[in-house]
N, C-alpha and C. Protein backbone atom coordinates (compact mmCIF):
# COMPACT_ATOMS: atom_id res chain seq x y z
N MET A 1 -3.97 -26.67 -8.12
CA MET A 1 -4.66 -25.47 -8.38
C MET A 1 -5.98 -25.65 -9.17
N PRO A 2 -7.20 -24.84 -8.95
CA PRO A 2 -8.49 -25.31 -9.56
C PRO A 2 -8.29 -24.84 -10.95
N VAL A 3 -9.23 -25.54 -11.82
CA VAL A 3 -9.27 -25.41 -13.12
C VAL A 3 -10.62 -24.61 -13.45
N ALA A 4 -10.95 -24.21 -14.79
CA ALA A 4 -11.95 -23.52 -15.19
C ALA A 4 -12.00 -23.85 -16.67
N TRP A 5 -13.00 -24.11 -17.05
CA TRP A 5 -13.12 -24.69 -18.47
C TRP A 5 -13.35 -23.39 -19.33
N LEU A 6 -12.69 -23.21 -20.63
CA LEU A 6 -12.89 -22.21 -21.65
C LEU A 6 -14.01 -22.44 -22.42
N ALA A 7 -14.42 -21.60 -23.38
CA ALA A 7 -15.37 -21.64 -24.29
C ALA A 7 -14.92 -22.56 -25.53
N SER A 8 -13.39 -22.68 -25.61
CA SER A 8 -12.80 -23.71 -26.62
C SER A 8 -12.86 -24.98 -26.05
N GLY A 9 -13.00 -25.09 -24.76
CA GLY A 9 -13.10 -26.64 -24.38
C GLY A 9 -11.76 -26.83 -23.71
N LYS A 10 -10.89 -26.01 -23.63
CA LYS A 10 -9.69 -26.04 -23.01
C LYS A 10 -9.53 -25.62 -21.57
N VAL A 11 -8.87 -26.41 -20.70
CA VAL A 11 -8.83 -26.01 -19.27
C VAL A 11 -7.71 -25.22 -19.07
N ALA A 12 -8.26 -23.95 -18.27
CA ALA A 12 -7.39 -22.93 -17.71
C ALA A 12 -7.17 -22.92 -16.21
N THR A 13 -6.09 -22.72 -15.66
CA THR A 13 -5.93 -22.58 -14.14
C THR A 13 -6.59 -21.32 -13.54
N VAL A 14 -7.10 -21.27 -12.50
CA VAL A 14 -7.62 -19.99 -12.02
C VAL A 14 -6.46 -19.68 -11.05
N PRO A 15 -6.11 -18.29 -11.28
CA PRO A 15 -4.95 -17.76 -10.25
C PRO A 15 -5.28 -17.78 -8.94
N HIS A 16 -4.41 -18.00 -7.89
CA HIS A 16 -4.73 -17.94 -6.60
C HIS A 16 -3.73 -16.90 -5.87
N ILE A 17 -4.48 -15.85 -5.53
CA ILE A 17 -3.69 -14.82 -5.07
C ILE A 17 -3.39 -14.95 -3.36
N LEU A 18 -2.76 -14.77 -2.54
CA LEU A 18 -2.38 -14.76 -1.33
C LEU A 18 -2.46 -13.09 -0.89
N ILE A 19 -3.31 -12.92 0.11
CA ILE A 19 -3.36 -11.29 0.87
C ILE A 19 -3.16 -11.63 2.22
N LEU A 20 -1.64 -11.31 2.64
CA LEU A 20 -1.57 -11.31 4.12
C LEU A 20 -1.46 -10.09 4.60
N TYR A 21 -1.76 -9.98 6.10
CA TYR A 21 -2.04 -8.67 6.54
C TYR A 21 -1.56 -8.62 7.89
N SER A 22 -1.44 -7.36 8.32
CA SER A 22 -1.19 -7.10 9.78
C SER A 22 -1.88 -5.92 10.04
N SER A 23 -2.83 -6.12 11.23
CA SER A 23 -3.69 -4.96 11.41
C SER A 23 -3.76 -4.78 12.81
N THR A 24 -3.85 -3.59 13.17
CA THR A 24 -3.54 -3.18 14.55
C THR A 24 -4.92 -3.32 15.21
N ASP A 25 -5.91 -2.18 14.67
CA ASP A 25 -7.10 -2.37 15.30
C ASP A 25 -8.20 -2.74 14.20
N GLY A 26 -8.06 -3.48 13.11
CA GLY A 26 -8.85 -3.80 12.46
C GLY A 26 -9.20 -3.23 10.95
N GLN A 27 -8.68 -1.84 10.82
CA GLN A 27 -8.89 -1.32 9.43
C GLN A 27 -8.09 -1.93 8.10
N THR A 28 -6.94 -2.50 8.60
CA THR A 28 -6.20 -2.88 7.47
C THR A 28 -7.01 -4.25 7.13
N LEU A 29 -7.43 -5.09 8.07
CA LEU A 29 -8.25 -6.27 7.70
C LEU A 29 -9.51 -5.79 6.99
N ARG A 30 -10.11 -4.85 7.15
CA ARG A 30 -11.36 -4.23 6.36
C ARG A 30 -11.04 -4.00 4.85
N ILE A 31 -9.84 -3.21 4.82
CA ILE A 31 -9.39 -3.15 3.64
C ILE A 31 -9.04 -4.14 2.90
N CYS A 32 -8.19 -5.23 3.49
CA CYS A 32 -8.09 -6.53 2.85
C CYS A 32 -9.15 -7.21 2.38
N GLU A 33 -10.38 -7.14 3.12
CA GLU A 33 -11.59 -7.93 2.69
C GLU A 33 -12.20 -7.21 1.57
N CYS A 34 -12.16 -5.85 1.57
CA CYS A 34 -12.36 -5.12 0.32
C CYS A 34 -11.85 -5.53 -0.90
N LEU A 35 -10.31 -5.67 -0.70
CA LEU A 35 -9.66 -5.83 -2.00
C LEU A 35 -9.92 -7.41 -2.50
N GLN A 36 -10.00 -8.22 -1.58
CA GLN A 36 -10.43 -9.71 -1.76
C GLN A 36 -11.59 -9.75 -2.58
N GLY A 37 -12.83 -9.12 -2.24
CA GLY A 37 -13.96 -9.09 -3.04
C GLY A 37 -13.70 -8.67 -4.29
N VAL A 38 -12.74 -7.43 -4.60
CA VAL A 38 -12.60 -6.93 -5.82
C VAL A 38 -11.86 -7.78 -6.73
N VAL A 39 -10.85 -8.54 -6.03
CA VAL A 39 -10.12 -9.67 -7.07
C VAL A 39 -11.01 -10.86 -7.14
N GLU A 40 -11.79 -11.04 -6.15
CA GLU A 40 -12.61 -12.61 -6.43
C GLU A 40 -13.76 -12.36 -7.70
N GLN A 41 -14.06 -10.95 -7.76
CA GLN A 41 -15.16 -10.53 -8.87
C GLN A 41 -14.56 -10.71 -10.14
N SER A 42 -13.21 -10.55 -10.30
CA SER A 42 -12.56 -10.78 -11.54
C SER A 42 -12.30 -12.32 -11.87
N GLY A 43 -12.76 -13.31 -11.06
CA GLY A 43 -12.73 -14.67 -11.14
C GLY A 43 -11.20 -15.26 -10.34
N LYS A 44 -10.60 -14.66 -9.89
CA LYS A 44 -9.49 -14.95 -9.43
C LYS A 44 -9.86 -15.71 -7.86
N ARG A 45 -9.17 -16.63 -7.30
CA ARG A 45 -9.32 -17.06 -6.08
C ARG A 45 -8.31 -16.28 -5.41
N VAL A 46 -8.68 -15.99 -3.90
CA VAL A 46 -7.96 -15.45 -2.85
C VAL A 46 -8.16 -15.90 -1.70
N THR A 47 -6.97 -16.25 -0.82
CA THR A 47 -6.81 -16.47 0.38
C THR A 47 -6.42 -15.35 1.06
N LEU A 48 -6.95 -14.85 2.14
CA LEU A 48 -6.58 -13.98 3.18
C LEU A 48 -6.27 -14.32 4.56
N LEU A 49 -5.11 -14.05 4.81
CA LEU A 49 -4.58 -14.55 6.16
C LEU A 49 -3.80 -13.39 6.93
N ALA A 50 -3.68 -13.50 8.23
CA ALA A 50 -2.87 -12.62 8.87
C ALA A 50 -1.61 -13.30 8.83
N VAL A 51 -0.56 -12.20 8.95
CA VAL A 51 0.69 -12.50 8.57
C VAL A 51 1.29 -13.41 9.49
N GLU A 52 0.80 -13.52 10.98
CA GLU A 52 1.45 -14.39 11.94
C GLU A 52 0.87 -15.84 11.66
N ARG A 53 -0.04 -16.09 10.82
CA ARG A 53 -0.52 -17.40 10.54
C ARG A 53 0.12 -17.80 9.17
N SER A 54 1.12 -17.04 8.56
CA SER A 54 1.78 -17.64 7.13
C SER A 54 2.07 -18.95 7.15
N GLY A 55 2.87 -19.29 8.33
CA GLY A 55 3.36 -20.80 8.21
C GLY A 55 2.50 -21.67 7.92
N GLU A 56 0.97 -21.39 8.20
CA GLU A 56 0.05 -22.44 7.92
C GLU A 56 -0.25 -22.66 6.46
N CYS A 57 0.38 -22.16 5.42
CA CYS A 57 0.20 -22.34 3.98
C CYS A 57 1.45 -22.44 3.27
N ASP A 58 1.50 -23.03 2.07
CA ASP A 58 2.72 -23.11 1.41
C ASP A 58 2.73 -22.16 0.53
N LEU A 59 3.50 -21.08 0.80
CA LEU A 59 3.60 -19.69 -0.02
C LEU A 59 3.86 -19.85 -1.43
N ALA A 60 4.63 -20.77 -1.60
CA ALA A 60 5.13 -20.93 -3.30
C ALA A 60 4.10 -21.55 -3.75
N SER A 61 2.97 -21.96 -3.39
CA SER A 61 1.79 -22.54 -4.17
C SER A 61 0.91 -21.47 -4.60
N PHE A 62 1.21 -20.11 -4.25
CA PHE A 62 0.44 -19.09 -4.57
C PHE A 62 0.92 -18.50 -6.03
N ASP A 63 0.00 -17.79 -6.94
CA ASP A 63 0.43 -17.20 -7.95
C ASP A 63 0.98 -15.73 -7.86
N ALA A 64 0.49 -15.18 -6.74
CA ALA A 64 0.84 -13.73 -6.49
C ALA A 64 0.62 -13.38 -5.01
N ILE A 65 1.36 -12.72 -4.29
CA ILE A 65 1.39 -12.49 -2.85
C ILE A 65 1.25 -11.07 -2.72
N VAL A 66 0.57 -10.62 -2.03
CA VAL A 66 0.04 -9.06 -1.66
C VAL A 66 0.13 -8.94 -0.14
N ILE A 67 0.81 -7.96 0.42
CA ILE A 67 1.05 -7.92 2.00
C ILE A 67 0.45 -6.64 2.17
N GLY A 68 -0.46 -6.37 3.24
CA GLY A 68 -0.88 -5.27 3.77
C GLY A 68 -0.58 -4.93 5.43
N ALA A 69 0.00 -3.87 5.64
CA ALA A 69 0.19 -3.78 7.00
C ALA A 69 -0.04 -2.23 7.35
N SER A 70 -0.58 -2.14 8.95
CA SER A 70 -0.99 -0.85 9.39
C SER A 70 0.51 -0.31 10.21
N VAL A 71 0.39 0.90 10.35
CA VAL A 71 1.32 1.59 10.97
C VAL A 71 0.83 1.92 12.63
N ARG A 72 1.66 1.70 13.52
CA ARG A 72 1.37 2.13 14.79
C ARG A 72 2.52 3.02 15.49
N TYR A 73 2.36 4.06 15.89
CA TYR A 73 3.63 4.90 16.62
C TYR A 73 4.71 4.84 15.47
N GLY A 74 4.44 5.02 14.04
CA GLY A 74 5.47 5.29 13.13
C GLY A 74 6.28 4.16 12.75
N LYS A 75 5.63 2.90 12.95
CA LYS A 75 6.21 1.76 12.49
C LYS A 75 5.22 0.68 11.99
N HIS A 76 5.62 -0.13 11.03
CA HIS A 76 4.98 -1.19 10.43
C HIS A 76 5.22 -2.24 11.52
N SER A 77 4.52 -3.30 11.67
CA SER A 77 4.62 -4.29 12.67
C SER A 77 6.11 -5.22 12.27
N LYS A 78 6.68 -5.64 13.45
CA LYS A 78 7.98 -6.25 13.39
C LYS A 78 7.77 -7.59 12.61
N LEU A 79 6.42 -8.22 12.87
CA LEU A 79 6.35 -9.48 12.28
C LEU A 79 6.24 -9.09 10.59
N VAL A 80 5.72 -8.43 10.18
CA VAL A 80 5.94 -8.05 8.73
C VAL A 80 7.34 -7.74 8.23
N VAL A 81 8.13 -7.07 8.99
CA VAL A 81 9.40 -6.76 8.60
C VAL A 81 9.95 -8.16 8.56
N ASP A 82 10.07 -8.96 9.81
CA ASP A 82 10.64 -10.22 9.75
C ASP A 82 10.27 -11.08 8.60
N PHE A 83 8.78 -11.27 8.31
CA PHE A 83 8.31 -12.07 7.40
C PHE A 83 9.00 -11.70 6.02
N VAL A 84 9.07 -10.52 5.44
CA VAL A 84 9.56 -10.01 4.39
C VAL A 84 11.34 -10.38 4.39
N HIS A 85 11.98 -10.18 5.43
CA HIS A 85 13.21 -10.58 5.29
C HIS A 85 13.37 -12.13 5.24
N ARG A 86 12.71 -13.00 5.74
CA ARG A 86 12.74 -14.37 5.56
C ARG A 86 12.19 -14.75 4.38
N HIS A 87 11.63 -14.14 3.65
CA HIS A 87 10.92 -14.58 2.17
C HIS A 87 11.10 -13.59 1.14
N ALA A 88 11.93 -12.84 1.23
CA ALA A 88 12.22 -11.61 0.17
C ALA A 88 12.56 -12.35 -1.23
N ALA A 89 13.18 -13.46 -1.31
CA ALA A 89 13.53 -14.14 -2.58
C ALA A 89 12.26 -14.95 -3.01
N LEU A 90 11.29 -15.28 -2.28
CA LEU A 90 10.10 -15.95 -2.79
C LEU A 90 9.07 -14.76 -3.30
N LEU A 91 9.08 -13.67 -2.55
CA LEU A 91 8.23 -12.54 -2.90
C LEU A 91 8.69 -12.05 -4.29
N ASP A 92 9.94 -11.64 -4.43
CA ASP A 92 10.61 -11.32 -5.93
C ASP A 92 10.36 -12.19 -6.78
N SER A 93 10.08 -13.40 -6.68
CA SER A 93 9.96 -14.37 -7.59
C SER A 93 8.47 -14.64 -8.18
N LYS A 94 7.54 -13.78 -7.70
CA LYS A 94 6.14 -13.79 -7.92
C LYS A 94 5.73 -12.51 -8.20
N PRO A 95 4.47 -12.23 -8.85
CA PRO A 95 3.64 -11.14 -9.04
C PRO A 95 3.55 -10.73 -7.53
N ASN A 96 3.78 -9.39 -7.19
CA ASN A 96 3.55 -9.06 -5.55
C ASN A 96 3.15 -7.51 -5.49
N ALA A 97 2.77 -7.22 -4.36
CA ALA A 97 2.12 -5.77 -3.91
C ALA A 97 2.36 -5.80 -2.46
N PHE A 98 2.62 -4.51 -2.09
CA PHE A 98 2.51 -4.21 -0.61
C PHE A 98 1.73 -2.59 -0.50
N PHE A 99 0.91 -2.81 0.62
CA PHE A 99 0.35 -1.46 0.83
C PHE A 99 0.42 -1.17 2.42
N SER A 100 0.47 -0.05 2.70
CA SER A 100 0.61 0.59 4.02
C SER A 100 -0.69 1.21 4.18
N VAL A 101 -1.06 1.25 5.74
CA VAL A 101 -2.22 1.77 6.03
C VAL A 101 -1.87 2.48 7.39
N ASN A 102 -1.82 4.33 7.18
CA ASN A 102 -1.64 4.88 8.18
C ASN A 102 -2.22 6.23 8.30
N VAL A 103 -2.47 6.97 9.53
CA VAL A 103 -3.27 7.87 9.29
C VAL A 103 -2.73 9.21 9.05
N VAL A 104 -1.34 9.29 8.89
CA VAL A 104 -0.68 10.29 8.17
C VAL A 104 -1.05 10.59 6.73
N ALA A 105 -1.44 9.59 6.04
CA ALA A 105 -1.93 9.24 4.69
C ALA A 105 -3.14 10.15 4.40
N ARG A 106 -3.80 10.68 5.35
CA ARG A 106 -4.86 11.36 5.33
C ARG A 106 -4.56 12.61 4.71
N LYS A 107 -3.28 13.29 4.85
CA LYS A 107 -2.87 14.32 4.29
C LYS A 107 -2.51 14.28 2.90
N PRO A 108 -3.07 15.17 1.98
CA PRO A 108 -2.48 15.20 0.66
C PRO A 108 -1.19 14.90 0.14
N ASN A 109 -0.27 15.53 0.89
CA ASN A 109 1.02 15.49 0.58
C ASN A 109 1.90 14.32 1.08
N LYS A 110 1.17 13.44 1.78
CA LYS A 110 1.82 12.33 2.19
C LYS A 110 0.90 10.94 1.91
N ASN A 111 0.14 11.02 0.82
CA ASN A 111 -0.76 9.94 0.59
C ASN A 111 -0.41 9.07 -0.81
N THR A 112 0.94 9.21 -1.17
CA THR A 112 1.48 8.23 -2.22
C THR A 112 2.52 7.58 -1.82
N PRO A 113 2.90 6.39 -2.40
CA PRO A 113 3.91 5.81 -2.06
C PRO A 113 5.26 6.53 -2.13
N THR A 114 5.31 7.53 -2.96
CA THR A 114 6.56 8.32 -2.93
C THR A 114 6.75 9.33 -1.81
N THR A 115 5.36 9.80 -1.44
CA THR A 115 5.54 10.61 -0.48
C THR A 115 5.06 10.56 1.08
N ASN A 116 4.77 9.13 1.24
CA ASN A 116 4.39 8.83 2.78
C ASN A 116 5.59 8.27 3.33
N PRO A 117 6.02 8.88 4.47
CA PRO A 117 7.20 8.67 5.23
C PRO A 117 7.27 7.28 5.69
N TYR A 118 6.29 6.84 6.24
CA TYR A 118 6.26 5.24 6.59
C TYR A 118 6.54 4.35 6.00
N LEU A 119 6.00 4.47 4.73
CA LEU A 119 6.12 3.35 3.54
C LEU A 119 7.69 3.53 3.03
N GLN A 120 8.03 4.79 2.91
CA GLN A 120 9.44 4.81 2.41
C GLN A 120 10.46 4.47 3.50
N LYS A 121 10.09 4.61 4.69
CA LYS A 121 11.07 4.15 5.99
C LYS A 121 11.01 2.48 5.76
N PHE A 122 9.98 1.87 5.71
CA PHE A 122 9.72 0.65 5.46
C PHE A 122 10.33 -0.04 4.38
N LEU A 123 10.30 0.66 3.33
CA LEU A 123 10.95 0.18 1.96
C LEU A 123 12.62 0.23 2.17
N ARG A 124 13.04 1.13 3.03
CA ARG A 124 14.68 1.08 3.14
C ARG A 124 14.95 0.24 4.35
N GLN A 125 14.04 -0.66 4.93
CA GLN A 125 14.66 -1.64 6.02
C GLN A 125 14.50 -2.99 5.33
N ILE A 126 13.89 -3.04 4.26
CA ILE A 126 13.72 -4.43 3.54
C ILE A 126 14.52 -4.75 2.49
N PRO A 127 14.87 -5.96 2.18
CA PRO A 127 15.50 -6.22 0.85
C PRO A 127 14.49 -6.29 -0.46
N TRP A 128 13.20 -6.54 -0.03
CA TRP A 128 12.33 -6.96 -1.27
C TRP A 128 12.00 -5.49 -1.73
N LYS A 129 11.45 -5.59 -3.10
CA LYS A 129 11.20 -4.53 -3.65
C LYS A 129 10.06 -4.59 -4.20
N PRO A 130 8.78 -4.24 -3.67
CA PRO A 130 7.44 -4.66 -4.11
C PRO A 130 7.36 -4.03 -5.65
N ARG A 131 6.44 -4.91 -6.50
CA ARG A 131 6.13 -4.49 -7.68
C ARG A 131 5.29 -3.35 -7.83
N HIS A 132 4.28 -3.47 -6.89
CA HIS A 132 3.10 -2.49 -6.81
C HIS A 132 2.99 -2.18 -5.45
N LEU A 133 2.66 -0.74 -5.24
CA LEU A 133 2.68 -0.18 -4.11
C LEU A 133 1.58 0.64 -3.73
N ALA A 134 0.83 0.71 -2.66
CA ALA A 134 -0.19 1.85 -2.30
C ALA A 134 -0.18 2.03 -0.83
N VAL A 135 -0.96 3.23 -0.68
CA VAL A 135 -0.86 3.82 0.62
C VAL A 135 -2.34 4.25 0.93
N PHE A 136 -2.94 3.72 1.96
CA PHE A 136 -4.20 4.13 2.27
C PHE A 136 -4.34 4.78 3.78
N ALA A 137 -5.17 5.80 3.97
CA ALA A 137 -5.41 6.63 4.96
C ALA A 137 -6.17 5.51 6.08
N GLY A 138 -5.83 5.48 7.26
CA GLY A 138 -6.42 4.60 8.18
C GLY A 138 -7.68 5.26 8.85
N LYS A 139 -7.90 5.00 10.07
CA LYS A 139 -9.01 5.42 10.80
C LYS A 139 -8.63 5.68 12.33
N ILE A 140 -9.15 6.72 12.67
CA ILE A 140 -9.17 6.90 14.28
C ILE A 140 -10.27 6.55 15.07
N ASN A 141 -9.97 5.59 15.89
CA ASN A 141 -11.34 5.01 16.69
C ASN A 141 -11.04 5.06 18.10
N TYR A 142 -11.20 6.21 18.87
CA TYR A 142 -10.62 6.46 20.16
C TYR A 142 -11.42 5.25 21.08
N PRO A 143 -12.63 5.21 20.98
CA PRO A 143 -13.30 4.22 21.99
C PRO A 143 -12.66 2.93 22.10
N VAL A 144 -11.96 2.39 20.97
CA VAL A 144 -11.55 1.05 21.13
C VAL A 144 -9.88 1.05 21.64
N TYR A 145 -9.20 2.06 21.66
CA TYR A 145 -7.95 2.15 22.08
C TYR A 145 -8.02 2.09 23.66
N SER A 146 -6.74 1.48 24.10
CA SER A 146 -6.44 1.53 25.61
C SER A 146 -6.12 2.83 26.13
N PRO A 147 -6.41 3.03 27.30
CA PRO A 147 -6.14 4.49 27.78
C PRO A 147 -4.84 4.98 27.19
N LEU A 148 -3.52 4.25 27.43
CA LEU A 148 -2.56 4.86 27.19
C LEU A 148 -2.50 5.12 25.83
N ASP A 149 -2.90 4.18 24.49
CA ASP A 149 -2.90 4.41 23.25
C ASP A 149 -3.62 5.79 23.06
N ARG A 150 -4.81 5.79 23.65
CA ARG A 150 -5.73 7.02 23.50
C ARG A 150 -4.95 8.37 23.68
N LEU A 151 -4.37 8.18 24.80
CA LEU A 151 -3.60 9.29 25.20
C LEU A 151 -2.57 9.81 23.96
N VAL A 152 -1.55 8.79 23.73
CA VAL A 152 -0.59 9.16 22.76
C VAL A 152 -1.04 9.39 21.61
N ILE A 153 -2.10 8.61 21.20
CA ILE A 153 -2.61 9.12 19.82
C ILE A 153 -3.22 10.41 19.67
N ARG A 154 -3.83 10.79 20.70
CA ARG A 154 -4.61 12.19 20.89
C ARG A 154 -3.26 13.13 20.90
N PHE A 155 -2.43 12.92 21.46
CA PHE A 155 -1.11 13.69 21.37
C PHE A 155 -0.70 14.00 19.84
N ILE A 156 -0.40 12.91 19.42
CA ILE A 156 -0.02 13.06 18.00
C ILE A 156 -1.01 13.79 17.04
N MET A 157 -2.17 13.33 17.22
CA MET A 157 -3.21 14.13 16.42
C MET A 157 -3.18 15.80 16.72
N TRP A 158 -2.98 15.91 17.91
CA TRP A 158 -3.01 17.27 18.39
C TRP A 158 -1.76 18.23 17.75
N MET A 159 -0.48 17.48 17.66
CA MET A 159 0.55 18.15 16.98
C MET A 159 0.43 18.12 15.57
N THR A 160 -0.41 17.29 14.96
CA THR A 160 -0.59 17.15 13.43
C THR A 160 -1.76 17.57 13.06
N ASN A 161 -2.56 18.49 13.79
CA ASN A 161 -3.78 18.88 13.48
C ASN A 161 -4.90 18.14 13.09
N GLY A 162 -5.12 16.60 13.66
CA GLY A 162 -6.01 15.61 13.71
C GLY A 162 -6.97 15.71 14.32
N PRO A 163 -8.05 14.79 14.56
CA PRO A 163 -9.12 14.83 15.64
C PRO A 163 -8.59 14.42 16.88
N THR A 164 -9.18 15.25 17.86
CA THR A 164 -8.62 14.78 19.31
C THR A 164 -9.82 14.45 20.26
N ASP A 165 -10.97 14.66 19.87
CA ASP A 165 -12.21 14.34 20.55
C ASP A 165 -11.96 12.89 21.15
N PRO A 166 -11.85 12.52 22.52
CA PRO A 166 -11.44 11.23 22.95
C PRO A 166 -12.67 9.99 22.71
N ILE A 167 -13.72 10.73 22.06
CA ILE A 167 -14.81 9.50 21.69
C ILE A 167 -15.01 9.69 20.18
N ALA A 168 -14.09 10.30 19.48
CA ALA A 168 -14.23 10.11 17.98
C ALA A 168 -13.95 9.07 17.39
N VAL A 169 -14.77 8.87 16.22
CA VAL A 169 -14.50 7.74 15.44
C VAL A 169 -14.39 8.27 13.89
N VAL A 170 -13.02 8.45 13.44
CA VAL A 170 -13.11 9.14 12.20
C VAL A 170 -12.39 8.23 11.22
N GLU A 171 -12.98 7.71 10.19
CA GLU A 171 -12.43 6.86 9.03
C GLU A 171 -11.94 8.01 7.90
N PHE A 172 -10.68 7.62 7.67
CA PHE A 172 -10.09 8.57 6.61
C PHE A 172 -9.79 7.75 5.12
N THR A 173 -10.02 6.22 5.33
CA THR A 173 -9.90 5.45 4.06
C THR A 173 -10.80 5.95 3.15
N ASP A 174 -10.14 6.14 1.69
CA ASP A 174 -10.79 6.19 0.58
C ASP A 174 -11.21 5.01 -0.18
N TRP A 175 -12.49 4.51 0.16
CA TRP A 175 -12.52 3.27 -0.51
C TRP A 175 -12.66 3.14 -2.13
N ASP A 176 -12.85 4.06 -2.85
CA ASP A 176 -12.74 4.20 -4.11
C ASP A 176 -11.33 3.78 -4.35
N GLN A 177 -10.27 4.54 -3.92
CA GLN A 177 -8.76 4.42 -4.07
C GLN A 177 -8.59 2.61 -3.77
N VAL A 178 -9.24 2.31 -2.74
CA VAL A 178 -9.05 0.90 -2.41
C VAL A 178 -9.55 -0.15 -3.67
N ARG A 179 -10.71 0.14 -3.86
CA ARG A 179 -11.22 -0.59 -4.81
C ARG A 179 -10.59 -0.71 -6.36
N ALA A 180 -9.79 0.58 -6.72
CA ALA A 180 -9.04 0.81 -7.78
C ALA A 180 -7.69 0.05 -7.64
N PHE A 181 -7.20 0.01 -6.33
CA PHE A 181 -6.03 -0.89 -6.20
C PHE A 181 -6.37 -2.43 -6.35
N GLY A 182 -7.65 -2.92 -5.93
CA GLY A 182 -8.01 -4.16 -6.03
C GLY A 182 -8.26 -4.33 -7.47
N LYS A 183 -8.47 -3.46 -8.32
CA LYS A 183 -8.68 -4.03 -9.77
C LYS A 183 -7.09 -3.98 -10.25
N ARG A 184 -6.27 -3.43 -9.73
CA ARG A 184 -4.67 -3.49 -10.45
C ARG A 184 -4.40 -4.98 -9.69
N LEU A 185 -4.73 -5.52 -8.51
CA LEU A 185 -4.21 -6.68 -8.02
C LEU A 185 -4.79 -7.74 -9.06
N ALA A 186 -6.00 -7.53 -9.47
CA ALA A 186 -6.73 -8.64 -10.40
C ALA A 186 -6.30 -8.95 -11.32
N VAL A 187 -5.26 -8.10 -11.78
CA VAL A 187 -4.50 -8.41 -13.26
C VAL A 187 -3.11 -8.70 -12.81
N LEU A 188 -2.60 -9.04 -11.47
CA LEU A 188 -1.36 -9.53 -11.33
C LEU A 188 -1.27 -10.86 -12.07
């Protein structure tokens, strides 16, 4: 673990936080990059890694672990669910956090950890009880979706009074909320 010299001449270790992510179209990765910047500004080290690459590092060597996952068609990635099942004990042994990125969080009555149905469903599926939770609204980006995804997402948006223009790009993410969560992560 890297060290820092304190004014007293003593050595202090620099905490190292792992942020794992699962991103379908890139918005969760952008949120993780923002969180990384906020945490690094506090003097901590951050490693940002896709959950499917988590086997490339020694998870136990990190001081804290944060997981961020997007929702597609009402579910978080199976890779994230499987990861949490395999590593629940390790996650529980360290300061930790989880956040969900989904478009339903654009609605005021579904944008908190206790009111977001996808986050609540995820928490019921897993043995891990994250110490810190957040929910962030995602982004609709019709031009990057496959024709089938565009059709299905437009239908879902039509049913929920969301944007349906097939060329629309609508970002719902509240970046101030993301930065505020980053400040919470910086003190894990």
